[in-house]
Amino acid sequence: MAASETSKKRANAFVWAVVLYGALNLALYGVLAKMPERKLSLNGIKATNYEKRMEGPWIWWVSRTYLSQLEQKAQPDIVLFGSSQMGSAIFSAEAEHRGTTVDTTDQREVERLAAEVAKASGLKPRVFNFSMGGAMVSDHYLIADSLVSKADKKPKIAIIGVNPRDFIDNNLPAAAATDSFHFLSPYCKLDNLAVHSYDSPFGYLDYLLSRYLPLRQVNLLAFGDIPPSLGARASFTNPEGKGIDTRADKKANNAQLNSGQVTTKVLRAISGSAGDVKRGEWVLPAYPPYLYMDNSKEYIKRYKRENPPCLAGQKRYFQELLALLHKENIQIIVVGMPSRLSNQNLLSQNFWNNFDSYLEKTTKEQGGTYVSLFKDQRFVEEKDYLDTVHLNRWGGGKLVKIMAETVSGNTAMVQALKECKSDAVAGRDKPGQKPL
């Protein structure tokens, strides 16, 4: 009898718990329904612990730098998306152009591309570099959706650098595994993409519960637009879930930079595998001597399978990225990024044919321009590379020039830049304002 009474009490307690849980959800539903759409803001960025330390993950630095420029009315006219391939080429070429070191955390204005476009067209755009080591196509979409599309003034042109690794990295379980996803997904509408973002049904179920159960959204009431902290969370770009020993890294990095070398520390920063970083730790010198590293073993692992589980999801993100940019009336250039033949040979010729055709078809469907540099003879020499994939300042300079020629040779893009209201495009910077 006692056991029966205990079971009855437990059953009643469970029923009341369910009723209370449902009542709380209903009560919160009305409150949350009246709240405006969550938007990543500079105030939210500056309310994080990262701001207090001025040290944080790469996605925090990228978001902070972009939103700071918007606040200063220095909206970019051209934005660049890409992974470490784009970052390596752009940062290296930019440091050479400026004749000084470039900090990869927050020095993301691309003066060299602006100068090349001005030389070819007479127009001087502002250019912002969103590229980030370890980024996948899904990360490009999250940045475009949470930052670019929600800005009051949109850029006129987006240049997206991609190669197979942006789609098929075998080390990536799913789109949701990146720092960018954790940091930016609360500000994105992923209803059409969430099912492609997780590597298990349980991950997708957790997303649905977080999205539609008000009790799972109380952080909106508590924290507003403050982005989530990555903390010690392990991720695709920071597998061990920890920051860096800044004192040791600073000492080693400075010593190697003083010797005029492109160091493994700098390459590590470009590749996005450094946890939390701060200004002055990860800089590229202006005129480093030639240095080449063979990183084939790394890419043998990345390309172990040509059709890993993440591929279908990344393709869906790519299509949604182009559709989003097209909807926002942003002109699109997709660049198939060059790499060494030894790197390309890790994948079959059939893969390359299908991949190249897919990029061209998908880009043109959204009215974009596709530039394939996969087999381009201008990038066959070893001297243009840091390793089998990443361009150095010589190769980066070639890439920048090709981008500028593509923009300047496109009538619609030139017209879009002409319509820009910014003083930078008109070539008349305001008194006291430093040109970007």
Protein backbone atom coordinates (compact mmCIF):
# COMPACT_ATOMS: atom_id res chain seq x y z
CA MET A 1 0.00 0.00 0.00
CA ALA A 2 2.83 2.38 0.90
CA ALA A 3 4.52 1.71 -2.44
CA SER A 4 1.27 2.41 -4.26
CA GLU A 5 0.83 5.74 -2.42
CA THR A 6 4.40 6.73 -3.25
CA SER A 7 3.90 5.96 -6.93
CA LYS A 8 0.65 7.94 -6.93
CA LYS A 9 2.36 10.96 -5.36
CA ARG A 10 5.16 10.79 -7.90
CA ALA A 11 2.67 10.63 -10.74
CA ASN A 12 0.78 13.62 -9.38
CA ALA A 13 4.01 15.54 -8.92
CA PHE A 14 4.97 14.80 -12.54
CA VAL A 15 1.60 15.98 -13.82
CA TRP A 16 1.81 19.20 -11.82
CA ALA A 17 5.35 19.76 -13.04
CA VAL A 18 4.19 19.41 -16.64
CA VAL A 19 1.26 21.77 -16.01
CA LEU A 20 3.53 24.33 -14.34
CA TYR A 21 6.09 24.06 -17.15
CA GLY A 22 3.36 24.61 -19.73
CA ALA A 23 1.93 27.55 -17.80
CA LEU A 24 5.31 29.23 -17.53
CA ASN A 25 5.89 28.77 -21.26
CA LEU A 26 2.51 30.30 -22.06
CA ALA A 27 3.20 33.24 -19.75
CA LEU A 28 6.59 33.91 -21.28
CA TYR A 29 5.31 33.43 -24.84
CA GLY A 30 3.34 36.65 -24.69
CA VAL A 31 6.31 38.60 -23.33
CA LEU A 32 8.80 37.24 -25.85
CA ALA A 33 6.40 37.69 -28.77
CA LYS A 34 6.42 41.45 -28.15
CA MET A 35 10.20 41.71 -28.10
CA PRO A 36 11.93 43.04 -31.22
CA GLU A 37 14.04 40.75 -33.37
CA ARG A 38 17.37 40.09 -31.70
CA LYS A 39 20.15 42.06 -33.38
CA LEU A 40 23.88 41.98 -32.77
CA SER A 41 24.99 45.47 -31.77
CA LEU A 42 28.21 47.20 -30.84
CA ASN A 43 26.80 47.87 -27.37
CA GLY A 44 26.16 44.17 -26.96
CA ILE A 45 29.67 43.35 -28.16
CA LYS A 46 31.16 45.83 -25.69
CA ALA A 47 29.11 44.41 -22.81
CA THR A 48 30.97 41.09 -22.99
CA ASN A 49 33.87 40.01 -20.83
CA TYR A 50 35.95 39.97 -24.00
CA GLU A 51 35.70 43.75 -24.12
CA LYS A 52 36.92 44.14 -20.56
CA ARG A 53 40.00 42.07 -21.38
CA MET A 54 40.26 43.23 -25.00
CA GLU A 55 40.88 39.60 -25.78
CA GLY A 56 38.49 37.26 -27.52
CA PRO A 57 37.84 34.77 -30.32
CA TRP A 58 38.26 35.71 -33.95
CA ILE A 59 34.52 36.03 -34.61
CA TRP A 60 34.24 38.53 -31.75
CA TRP A 61 37.04 40.64 -33.25
CA VAL A 62 35.52 40.52 -36.73
CA SER A 63 32.07 41.50 -35.45
CA ARG A 64 33.44 44.24 -33.19
CA THR A 65 35.58 45.78 -35.94
CA TYR A 66 32.77 45.80 -38.50
CA LEU A 67 30.18 47.28 -36.12
CA SER A 68 32.69 49.90 -34.95
CA GLN A 69 33.17 51.03 -38.54
CA LEU A 70 29.42 51.27 -39.06
CA GLU A 71 29.13 53.42 -35.95
CA GLN A 72 31.82 55.72 -37.37
CA LYS A 73 29.81 55.98 -40.62
CA ALA A 74 32.61 54.20 -42.47
CA GLN A 75 30.37 51.65 -44.14
CA PRO A 76 32.21 49.45 -46.61
CA ASP A 77 31.21 49.39 -50.27
CA ILE A 78 32.90 46.02 -50.90
CA VAL A 79 33.12 43.13 -48.42
CA LEU A 80 35.31 40.04 -48.67
CA PHE A 81 34.30 36.62 -47.36
CA GLY A 82 36.59 33.64 -47.04
CA SER A 83 38.63 31.36 -44.85
CA SER A 84 42.37 31.44 -44.19
CA GLN A 85 43.01 31.22 -47.94
CA MET A 86 41.44 34.63 -48.47
CA GLY A 87 42.86 35.95 -45.20
CA SER A 88 46.42 34.92 -45.97
CA ALA A 89 46.37 36.51 -49.43
CA ILE A 90 44.66 39.74 -48.36
CA PHE A 91 46.55 40.37 -45.13
CA SER A 92 49.91 39.61 -46.75
CA ALA A 93 49.25 41.86 -49.73
CA GLU A 94 47.86 44.56 -47.48
CA ALA A 95 50.92 44.64 -45.22
CA GLU A 96 53.16 45.01 -48.27
CA HIS A 97 50.94 47.77 -49.66
CA ARG A 98 51.00 49.75 -46.42
CA GLY A 99 54.70 49.11 -45.84
CA THR A 100 54.07 48.20 -42.21
CA THR A 101 52.81 45.34 -40.10
CA VAL A 102 49.10 44.53 -40.20
CA ASP A 103 47.27 43.20 -37.15
CA THR A 104 44.96 40.39 -38.20
CA THR A 105 42.56 41.00 -35.30
CA ASP A 106 41.11 44.38 -36.25
CA GLN A 107 43.01 45.94 -39.16
CA ARG A 108 40.53 44.76 -41.76
CA GLU A 109 40.35 47.70 -44.16
CA VAL A 110 41.74 46.58 -47.51
CA GLU A 111 43.47 49.65 -48.90
CA ARG A 112 45.28 47.70 -51.61
CA LEU A 113 42.09 46.48 -53.27
CA ALA A 114 40.59 49.97 -52.98
CA ALA A 115 43.66 51.40 -54.69
CA GLU A 116 43.56 48.80 -57.47
CA VAL A 117 39.86 49.47 -58.13
CA ALA A 118 40.57 53.21 -58.16
CA LYS A 119 43.40 52.70 -60.62
CA ALA A 120 41.19 50.69 -62.98
CA SER A 121 37.91 52.59 -62.66
CA GLY A 122 38.58 55.97 -61.05
CA LEU A 123 36.38 54.98 -58.08
CA LYS A 124 37.74 54.52 -54.59
CA PRO A 125 35.61 52.14 -52.53
CA ARG A 126 35.87 51.22 -48.90
CA VAL A 127 36.70 47.54 -48.55
CA PHE A 128 36.24 45.35 -45.46
CA ASN A 129 37.79 41.93 -44.97
CA PHE A 130 35.51 39.41 -43.20
CA SER A 131 37.77 36.44 -43.95
CA MET A 132 38.58 34.31 -40.97
CA GLY A 133 40.74 31.24 -40.45
CA GLY A 134 38.84 27.96 -40.27
CA ALA A 135 35.66 29.52 -41.65
CA MET A 136 33.29 27.33 -43.60
CA VAL A 137 30.64 28.47 -46.09
CA SER A 138 28.11 28.27 -43.25
CA ASP A 139 30.16 30.84 -41.32
CA HIS A 140 30.13 33.18 -44.32
CA TYR A 141 26.33 32.94 -44.33
CA LEU A 142 26.05 33.63 -40.58
CA ILE A 143 28.21 36.75 -40.94
CA ALA A 144 26.22 37.96 -43.95
CA ASP A 145 22.88 37.38 -42.23
CA SER A 146 23.70 38.74 -38.76
CA LEU A 147 25.95 41.66 -39.73
CA VAL A 148 25.70 42.65 -43.40
CA SER A 149 21.99 42.22 -44.09
CA LYS A 150 20.94 43.93 -40.86
CA ALA A 151 23.02 47.07 -41.41
CA ASP A 152 21.16 50.24 -42.37
CA LYS A 153 23.43 50.66 -45.36
CA LYS A 154 24.48 47.58 -47.29
CA PRO A 155 27.71 47.09 -49.24
CA LYS A 156 27.38 47.16 -53.01
CA ILE A 157 29.62 44.18 -53.77
CA ALA A 158 30.50 40.94 -51.99
CA ILE A 159 33.52 38.88 -53.06
CA ILE A 160 33.49 35.30 -51.76
CA GLY A 161 36.65 33.22 -51.98
CA VAL A 162 36.05 29.46 -51.82
CA ASN A 163 37.88 26.22 -52.39
CA PRO A 164 36.99 22.61 -51.51
CA ARG A 165 38.01 22.97 -47.85
CA ASP A 166 35.23 25.54 -47.32
CA PHE A 167 32.80 22.71 -48.11
CA ILE A 168 34.33 19.33 -47.27
CA ASP A 169 36.67 19.57 -44.28
CA ASN A 170 36.58 16.05 -42.84
CA ASN A 171 37.46 17.45 -39.41
CA LEU A 172 34.12 19.30 -39.27
CA PRO A 173 31.21 17.25 -37.92
CA ALA A 174 28.59 19.85 -38.87
CA ALA A 175 28.02 23.60 -39.34
CA ALA A 176 26.98 23.95 -35.70
CA ALA A 177 30.48 22.97 -34.53
CA THR A 178 32.14 26.32 -35.29
CA ASP A 179 32.72 29.31 -33.01
CA SER A 180 30.86 31.51 -35.48
CA PHE A 181 27.74 29.35 -35.32
CA HIS A 182 27.63 29.48 -31.53
CA PHE A 183 28.31 33.22 -31.48
CA LEU A 184 26.09 34.40 -34.35
CA SER A 185 23.25 31.89 -34.70
CA PRO A 186 21.08 33.62 -32.04
CA TYR A 187 20.88 36.59 -34.44
CA CYS A 188 20.03 34.57 -37.57
CA LYS A 189 16.89 32.98 -38.94
CA LEU A 190 17.94 29.41 -39.58
CA ASP A 191 14.55 27.75 -40.03
CA ASN A 192 15.51 26.52 -43.52
CA LEU A 193 19.08 25.67 -42.52
CA ALA A 194 18.91 24.25 -39.01
CA VAL A 195 18.16 20.74 -40.21
CA HIS A 196 21.42 20.89 -42.21
CA SER A 197 23.45 22.28 -39.30
CA TYR A 198 23.75 19.37 -36.87
CA ASP A 199 25.41 15.98 -37.04
CA SER A 200 22.70 14.20 -35.04
CA PRO A 201 18.90 14.36 -34.61
CA PHE A 202 19.44 15.29 -30.96
CA GLY A 203 21.30 18.45 -31.92
CA TYR A 204 18.49 19.48 -34.23
CA LEU A 205 15.90 18.66 -31.56
CA ASP A 206 17.76 20.84 -29.06
CA TYR A 207 17.69 23.68 -31.62
CA LEU A 208 13.93 23.30 -32.05
CA LEU A 209 13.37 23.35 -28.30
CA SER A 210 15.59 26.42 -27.90
CA ARG A 211 13.83 28.13 -30.78
CA TYR A 212 10.21 27.47 -29.85
CA LEU A 213 10.06 26.89 -26.09
CA PRO A 214 9.92 30.27 -24.30
CA LEU A 215 11.61 28.90 -21.18
CA ARG A 216 14.63 28.09 -23.32
CA GLN A 217 14.74 31.73 -24.41
CA VAL A 218 14.86 33.45 -21.03
CA ASN A 219 18.39 34.56 -21.87
CA LEU A 220 16.76 37.11 -24.18
CA LEU A 221 15.11 38.71 -21.18
CA ALA A 222 18.24 38.48 -19.06
CA PHE A 223 20.93 39.49 -21.54
CA GLY A 224 19.18 41.21 -24.46
CA ASP A 225 21.56 41.61 -27.40
CA ILE A 226 24.71 40.52 -25.53
CA PRO A 227 26.24 37.65 -27.57
CA PRO A 228 26.91 34.29 -25.91
CA SER A 229 30.34 33.67 -24.50
CA LEU A 230 32.36 30.86 -26.03
CA GLY A 231 34.13 30.39 -22.70
CA ALA A 232 36.05 27.13 -22.56
CA ARG A 233 33.74 25.58 -25.14
CA ALA A 234 35.57 23.25 -27.52
CA SER A 235 34.84 23.92 -31.18
CA PHE A 236 35.99 23.10 -34.68
CA THR A 237 38.48 25.99 -34.70
CA ASN A 238 39.49 25.60 -31.05
CA PRO A 239 39.27 21.84 -30.35
CA GLU A 240 40.75 22.02 -26.85
CA GLY A 241 38.41 24.78 -25.79
CA LYS A 242 41.04 27.03 -24.28
CA GLY A 243 42.76 30.28 -24.93
CA ILE A 244 46.41 30.86 -25.63
CA ASP A 245 49.41 31.55 -23.41
CA THR A 246 49.67 35.15 -24.51
CA ARG A 247 52.92 35.87 -22.72
CA ALA A 248 54.75 32.90 -24.19
CA ASP A 249 53.25 33.40 -27.64
CA LYS A 250 54.04 37.10 -27.63
CA LYS A 251 57.67 36.47 -26.75
CA ALA A 252 58.06 33.77 -29.40
CA ASN A 253 56.12 35.65 -32.05
CA ASN A 254 58.04 38.89 -31.61
CA ALA A 255 61.37 37.08 -31.70
CA GLN A 256 60.49 35.37 -34.95
CA LEU A 257 59.04 38.52 -36.54
CA ASN A 258 62.17 40.43 -35.63
CA SER A 259 64.14 37.85 -37.59
CA GLY A 260 61.95 38.69 -40.61
CA GLN A 261 60.24 35.32 -40.93
CA VAL A 262 56.67 34.34 -41.69
CA THR A 263 56.33 32.15 -38.65
CA THR A 264 54.18 29.21 -37.75
CA LYS A 265 52.62 31.48 -35.13
CA VAL A 266 51.43 33.86 -37.82
CA LEU A 267 50.17 30.96 -39.92
CA ARG A 268 48.37 29.68 -36.85
CA ALA A 269 46.68 33.04 -36.45
CA ILE A 270 45.65 33.09 -40.11
CA SER A 271 44.27 29.56 -39.81
CA GLY A 272 42.09 30.61 -36.87
CA SER A 273 43.27 27.97 -34.40
CA ALA A 274 44.47 30.17 -31.58
CA GLY A 275 41.54 30.43 -29.14
CA ASP A 276 41.22 33.92 -27.64
CA VAL A 277 43.58 36.51 -29.10
CA LYS A 278 44.44 40.14 -28.48
CA ARG A 279 45.87 43.04 -30.46
CA GLY A 280 49.57 42.98 -31.17
CA GLU A 281 49.89 39.21 -30.83
CA TRP A 282 49.19 38.15 -34.42
CA VAL A 283 50.66 40.53 -36.96
CA LEU A 284 51.96 40.11 -40.48
CA PRO A 285 55.18 41.92 -41.46
CA ALA A 286 55.31 44.07 -44.57
CA TYR A 287 58.26 42.48 -46.36
CA PRO A 288 58.90 38.97 -45.06
CA PRO A 289 61.46 36.90 -46.97
CA TYR A 290 60.30 33.95 -49.02
CA LEU A 291 59.44 30.92 -46.92
CA TYR A 292 57.52 27.82 -48.00
CA MET A 293 56.05 25.04 -45.87
CA ASP A 294 54.62 21.72 -47.05
CA ASN A 295 51.31 21.16 -45.25
CA SER A 296 50.14 18.21 -47.35
CA LYS A 297 49.68 15.92 -44.33
CA GLU A 298 47.13 18.33 -42.87
CA TYR A 299 45.08 18.36 -46.07
CA ILE A 300 45.26 14.60 -46.54
CA LYS A 301 43.19 14.44 -43.34
CA ARG A 302 40.87 17.26 -44.37
CA TYR A 303 40.20 15.65 -47.76
CA LYS A 304 40.10 12.04 -46.56
CA ARG A 305 36.61 11.65 -48.03
CA GLU A 306 35.37 13.69 -50.98
CA ASN A 307 31.78 13.47 -49.81
CA PRO A 308 31.79 13.85 -46.01
CA PRO A 309 28.50 14.34 -44.09
CA CYS A 310 29.00 18.11 -43.89
CA LEU A 311 29.10 18.62 -47.69
CA ALA A 312 25.34 18.64 -48.33
CA GLY A 313 24.79 21.16 -45.54
CA GLN A 314 27.57 23.44 -46.72
CA LYS A 315 26.15 23.44 -50.24
CA ARG A 316 22.77 24.45 -48.86
CA TYR A 317 24.41 27.27 -46.90
CA PHE A 318 26.22 28.43 -50.03
CA GLN A 319 22.97 28.61 -51.98
CA GLU A 320 21.27 30.51 -49.16
CA LEU A 321 24.25 32.88 -48.88
CA LEU A 322 24.04 33.85 -52.54
CA ALA A 323 20.26 34.15 -52.35
CA LEU A 324 20.54 36.43 -49.32
CA LEU A 325 23.08 38.71 -50.99
CA HIS A 326 21.00 38.82 -54.18
CA LYS A 327 17.89 39.70 -52.16
CA GLU A 328 19.79 42.59 -50.55
CA ASN A 329 20.77 43.83 -54.04
CA ILE A 330 24.45 43.15 -53.37
CA GLN A 331 26.49 42.29 -56.46
CA ILE A 332 28.23 38.92 -56.12
CA ILE A 333 31.66 37.69 -57.19
CA VAL A 334 32.60 34.11 -56.33
CA VAL A 335 36.30 33.31 -56.69
CA GLY A 336 37.48 29.72 -56.93
CA MET A 337 40.71 30.17 -54.99
CA PRO A 338 44.04 28.89 -56.36
CA SER A 339 46.18 26.27 -54.68
CA ARG A 340 49.25 24.23 -55.52
CA LEU A 341 48.88 21.26 -57.86
CA SER A 342 50.06 18.95 -55.08
CA ASN A 343 47.08 20.08 -53.01
CA GLN A 344 44.61 19.75 -55.88
CA ASN A 345 45.82 16.22 -56.59
CA LEU A 346 44.53 15.11 -53.18
CA LEU A 347 41.07 15.19 -54.78
CA SER A 348 39.97 13.37 -57.92
CA GLN A 349 39.59 15.11 -61.26
CA ASN A 350 35.93 14.11 -61.23
CA PHE A 351 35.47 16.00 -57.97
CA TRP A 352 37.12 19.10 -59.39
CA ASN A 353 34.98 19.03 -62.53
CA ASN A 354 31.77 18.70 -60.53
CA PHE A 355 32.85 21.29 -57.95
CA ASP A 356 33.83 23.87 -60.54
CA SER A 357 30.57 23.35 -62.45
CA TYR A 358 28.54 23.56 -59.24
CA LEU A 359 30.11 26.89 -58.23
CA GLU A 360 29.59 28.39 -61.67
CA LYS A 361 25.98 27.24 -62.00
CA THR A 362 24.96 28.25 -58.48
CA THR A 363 26.63 31.67 -58.76
CA LYS A 364 25.02 32.48 -62.11
CA GLU A 365 21.59 31.42 -60.82
CA GLN A 366 21.78 34.38 -58.42
CA GLY A 367 23.08 36.79 -61.05
CA GLY A 368 26.64 36.62 -59.77
CA THR A 369 30.02 36.52 -61.50
CA TYR A 370 32.16 33.41 -61.17
CA VAL A 371 35.96 33.57 -61.47
CA SER A 372 37.69 30.19 -61.42
CA LEU A 373 41.39 30.32 -60.51
CA PHE A 374 41.72 26.61 -59.81
CA LYS A 375 43.81 25.99 -62.93
CA ASP A 376 44.95 29.55 -63.52
CA GLN A 377 48.53 29.60 -64.79
CA ARG A 378 49.26 32.83 -62.94
CA PHE A 379 49.33 30.85 -59.67
CA VAL A 380 51.40 27.80 -60.55
CA GLU A 381 54.73 28.99 -59.12
CA GLU A 382 55.75 27.96 -55.63
CA LYS A 383 57.04 31.47 -54.91
CA ASP A 384 53.42 32.75 -54.67
CA TYR A 385 52.59 30.50 -51.72
CA LEU A 386 53.27 30.16 -48.01
CA ASP A 387 52.33 26.48 -48.26
CA THR A 388 50.31 24.30 -50.61
CA VAL A 389 47.17 26.42 -50.13
CA HIS A 390 47.88 29.88 -48.70
CA LEU A 391 49.10 32.73 -50.89
CA ASN A 392 51.86 35.05 -49.69
CA ARG A 393 52.32 38.73 -50.53
CA TRP A 394 53.32 38.00 -54.12
CA GLY A 395 50.43 35.66 -54.81
CA GLY A 396 48.11 37.86 -52.75
CA GLY A 397 49.00 40.86 -54.91
CA LYS A 398 48.02 38.90 -58.03
CA LEU A 399 44.71 37.90 -56.46
CA VAL A 400 43.89 41.48 -55.45
CA LYS A 401 44.57 42.70 -58.97
CA ILE A 402 42.28 40.04 -60.46
CA MET A 403 39.52 41.04 -58.05
CA ALA A 404 39.91 44.69 -58.97
CA GLU A 405 39.83 43.91 -62.68
CA THR A 406 36.67 41.84 -62.21
CA VAL A 407 34.93 44.67 -60.36
CA SER A 408 36.07 47.37 -62.77
CA GLY A 409 35.18 45.30 -65.82
CA ASN A 410 31.59 44.76 -64.69
CA THR A 411 29.27 47.58 -65.75
CA ALA A 412 26.68 46.84 -63.06
CA MET A 413 29.30 46.84 -60.32
CA VAL A 414 30.87 50.08 -61.47
CA GLN A 415 27.43 51.68 -61.59
CA ALA A 416 26.67 50.38 -58.08
CA LEU A 417 29.86 51.97 -56.77
CA LYS A 418 29.02 55.24 -58.52
CA GLU A 419 25.72 55.31 -56.67
CA CYS A 420 27.40 55.00 -53.28
CA LYS A 421 26.89 58.06 -51.10
CA SER A 422 30.09 57.67 -49.08
CA ASP A 423 32.80 60.27 -49.44
CA ALA A 424 35.36 57.48 -49.88
CA VAL A 425 33.83 56.38 -53.17
CA ALA A 426 33.64 59.95 -54.41
CA GLY A 427 37.30 60.32 -53.43
CA ARG A 428 36.53 63.24 -51.12
CA ASP A 429 37.31 62.24 -47.56
CA LYS A 430 35.92 64.50 -44.89
CA PRO A 431 38.37 66.89 -43.21
CA GLY A 432 40.21 65.14 -40.45
CA GLN A 433 38.93 61.72 -41.50
CA LYS A 434 41.56 59.13 -42.26
CA PRO A 435 40.86 57.33 -45.55
CA LEU A 436 40.27 53.58 -45.19
